[in-house]
Amino acid sequence: MTYSILNAIFLAIAASSALAILRGKQWLTVAKVLLPMLLLTTVFDNLIIASGIVAYDPNNISGIKIGLAPIEDFGYTIAAALLMPTIWFFVEKRNK
């Protein structure tokens, strides 16, 4: 299984959950979470790859990279940025 297929599964779950729960200005929270997380992912993934801690099989990635980090690495960040506010607002709404 390629990283792109794995990302598609996680992103589909995260996006459908977010679309079902989040409304209006709550999407601003997603943006506030997503931007710094993408920046941190860019910096730290590149450092981890450059140090040799992590390596990717070229057959399992698309070949598109940001620095040394394959674009697929950012899928998990996007999924987390969608899911964390979604879970937060879901639990908050449920507790009211």
C-alpha atoms as a PDB file:
ATOM      1  CA  MET A   1       0.000   0.000   0.000  1.00  0.00           C
ATOM      2  CA  THR A   2       1.393   3.414  -0.914  1.00  0.00           C
ATOM      3  CA  TYR A   3       1.451   6.381   1.422  1.00  0.00           C
ATOM      4  CA  SER A   4      -0.975   8.185  -0.908  1.00  0.00           C
ATOM      5  CA  ILE A   5      -3.611   5.474  -0.467  1.00  0.00           C
ATOM      6  CA  LEU A   6      -3.115   5.458   3.291  1.00  0.00           C
ATOM      7  CA  ASN A   7      -3.423   9.249   3.339  1.00  0.00           C
ATOM      8  CA  ALA A   8      -6.604   9.116   1.273  1.00  0.00           C
ATOM      9  CA  ILE A   9      -8.207   6.809   3.838  1.00  0.00           C
ATOM     10  CA  PHE A  10      -7.247   9.007   6.812  1.00  0.00           C
ATOM     11  CA  LEU A  11      -8.177  12.241   5.043  1.00  0.00           C
ATOM     12  CA  ALA A  12     -11.561  10.877   3.951  1.00  0.00           C
ATOM     13  CA  ILE A  13     -12.407   9.927   7.535  1.00  0.00           C
ATOM     14  CA  ALA A  14     -11.169  13.249   8.915  1.00  0.00           C
ATOM     15  CA  ALA A  15     -12.897  15.361   6.268  1.00  0.00           C
ATOM     16  CA  SER A  16     -16.234  13.563   6.530  1.00  0.00           C
ATOM     17  CA  SER A  17     -16.155  13.852  10.322  1.00  0.00           C
ATOM     18  CA  ALA A  18     -15.292  17.547  10.158  1.00  0.00           C
ATOM     19  CA  LEU A  19     -18.001  18.253   7.582  1.00  0.00           C
ATOM     20  CA  ALA A  20     -20.580  16.505   9.767  1.00  0.00           C
ATOM     21  CA  ILE A  21     -19.653  18.351  12.988  1.00  0.00           C
ATOM     22  CA  LEU A  22     -18.082  21.744  12.259  1.00  0.00           C
ATOM     23  CA  ARG A  23     -20.158  24.800  11.463  1.00  0.00           C
ATOM     24  CA  GLY A  24     -19.377  28.393  10.467  1.00  0.00           C
ATOM     25  CA  LYS A  25     -16.606  29.988  12.497  1.00  0.00           C
ATOM     26  CA  GLN A  26     -15.471  26.643  13.868  1.00  0.00           C
ATOM     27  CA  TRP A  27     -13.621  26.193  10.572  1.00  0.00           C
ATOM     28  CA  LEU A  28     -11.461  29.155  11.611  1.00  0.00           C
ATOM     29  CA  THR A  29     -10.203  26.964  14.453  1.00  0.00           C
ATOM     30  CA  VAL A  30      -9.145  24.362  11.898  1.00  0.00           C
ATOM     31  CA  ALA A  31      -7.147  27.025  10.054  1.00  0.00           C
ATOM     32  CA  LYS A  32      -5.554  28.223  13.295  1.00  0.00           C
ATOM     33  CA  VAL A  33      -4.504  24.662  14.093  1.00  0.00           C
ATOM     34  CA  LEU A  34      -3.473  23.735  10.553  1.00  0.00           C
ATOM     35  CA  LEU A  35      -1.093  26.581   9.742  1.00  0.00           C
ATOM     36  CA  PRO A  36       1.363  26.166  12.643  1.00  0.00           C
ATOM     37  CA  MET A  37       1.158  22.366  12.386  1.00  0.00           C
ATOM     38  CA  LEU A  38       2.112  22.457   8.710  1.00  0.00           C
ATOM     39  CA  LEU A  39       5.015  24.763   9.496  1.00  0.00           C
ATOM     40  CA  LEU A  40       6.233  22.500  12.294  1.00  0.00           C
ATOM     41  CA  THR A  41       5.782  19.401  10.130  1.00  0.00           C
ATOM     42  CA  THR A  42       7.834  21.005   7.382  1.00  0.00           C
ATOM     43  CA  VAL A  43      10.690  21.894   9.712  1.00  0.00           C
ATOM     44  CA  PHE A  44      10.832  18.740  11.803  1.00  0.00           C
ATOM     45  CA  ASP A  45      10.133  16.210   9.052  1.00  0.00           C
ATOM     46  CA  ASN A  46      12.973  17.696   7.037  1.00  0.00           C
ATOM     47  CA  LEU A  47      15.284  17.526  10.056  1.00  0.00           C
ATOM     48  CA  ILE A  48      14.327  13.931  10.807  1.00  0.00           C
ATOM     49  CA  ILE A  49      14.826  12.871   7.196  1.00  0.00           C
ATOM     50  CA  ALA A  50      18.101  14.815   6.863  1.00  0.00           C
ATOM     51  CA  SER A  51      19.459  13.167  10.011  1.00  0.00           C
ATOM     52  CA  GLY A  52      18.747   9.726   8.592  1.00  0.00           C
ATOM     53  CA  ILE A  53      16.268   8.687  11.281  1.00  0.00           C
ATOM     54  CA  VAL A  54      13.533   8.189   8.680  1.00  0.00           C
ATOM     55  CA  ALA A  55      13.803   7.148   5.044  1.00  0.00           C
ATOM     56  CA  TYR A  56      11.095   6.508   2.478  1.00  0.00           C
ATOM     57  CA  ASP A  57      10.952   3.840  -0.180  1.00  0.00           C
ATOM     58  CA  PRO A  58      10.751   5.814  -3.440  1.00  0.00           C
ATOM     59  CA  ASN A  59       8.287   3.209  -4.771  1.00  0.00           C
ATOM     60  CA  ASN A  60       5.742   4.149  -2.088  1.00  0.00           C
ATOM     61  CA  ILE A  61       5.774   7.944  -2.465  1.00  0.00           C
ATOM     62  CA  SER A  62       4.583  10.224  -5.245  1.00  0.00           C
ATOM     63  CA  GLY A  63       7.953  11.931  -5.635  1.00  0.00           C
ATOM     64  CA  ILE A  64       6.568  15.365  -4.799  1.00  0.00           C
ATOM     65  CA  LYS A  65       8.561  16.815  -1.904  1.00  0.00           C
ATOM     66  CA  ILE A  66       8.758  19.903   0.247  1.00  0.00           C
ATOM     67  CA  GLY A  67      12.445  20.020   0.973  1.00  0.00           C
ATOM     68  CA  LEU A  68      13.259  16.414   1.794  1.00  0.00           C
ATOM     69  CA  ALA A  69       9.790  15.550   3.095  1.00  0.00           C
ATOM     70  CA  PRO A  70       7.429  13.732   0.739  1.00  0.00           C
ATOM     71  CA  ILE A  71       4.092  15.471   0.317  1.00  0.00           C
ATOM     72  CA  GLU A  72       2.403  12.396   1.797  1.00  0.00           C
ATOM     73  CA  ASP A  73       3.856  13.284   5.213  1.00  0.00           C
ATOM     74  CA  PHE A  74       1.576  16.293   5.326  1.00  0.00           C
ATOM     75  CA  GLY A  75      -1.585  14.207   4.999  1.00  0.00           C
ATOM     76  CA  TYR A  76      -1.373  13.085   8.607  1.00  0.00           C
ATOM     77  CA  THR A  77      -0.920  16.673   9.727  1.00  0.00           C
ATOM     78  CA  ILE A  78      -3.981  17.776   7.791  1.00  0.00           C
ATOM     79  CA  ALA A  79      -6.020  14.877   9.192  1.00  0.00           C
ATOM     80  CA  ALA A  80      -4.976  15.769  12.752  1.00  0.00           C
ATOM     81  CA  ALA A  81      -5.785  19.448  12.194  1.00  0.00           C
ATOM     82  CA  LEU A  82      -9.247  18.438  11.017  1.00  0.00           C
ATOM     83  CA  LEU A  83      -9.905  15.842  13.716  1.00  0.00           C
ATOM     84  CA  MET A  84      -8.723  17.663  16.831  1.00  0.00           C
ATOM     85  CA  PRO A  85     -11.135  20.634  16.561  1.00  0.00           C
ATOM     86  CA  THR A  86     -13.867  18.278  15.353  1.00  0.00           C
ATOM     87  CA  ILE A  87     -13.508  16.072  18.425  1.00  0.00           C
ATOM     88  CA  TRP A  88     -13.267  19.119  20.670  1.00  0.00           C
ATOM     89  CA  PHE A  89     -16.473  20.707  19.328  1.00  0.00           C
ATOM     90  CA  PHE A  90     -18.290  17.359  19.309  1.00  0.00           C
ATOM     91  CA  VAL A  91     -17.491  16.713  22.968  1.00  0.00           C
ATOM     92  CA  GLU A  92     -18.290  20.321  23.891  1.00  0.00           C
ATOM     93  CA  LYS A  93     -21.663  20.135  22.123  1.00  0.00           C
ATOM     94  CA  ARG A  94     -22.436  16.785  23.733  1.00  0.00           C
ATOM     95  CA  ASN A  95     -21.693  18.104  27.240  1.00  0.00           C
ATOM     96  CA  LYS A  96     -24.137  21.002  26.919  1.00  0.00           C
END
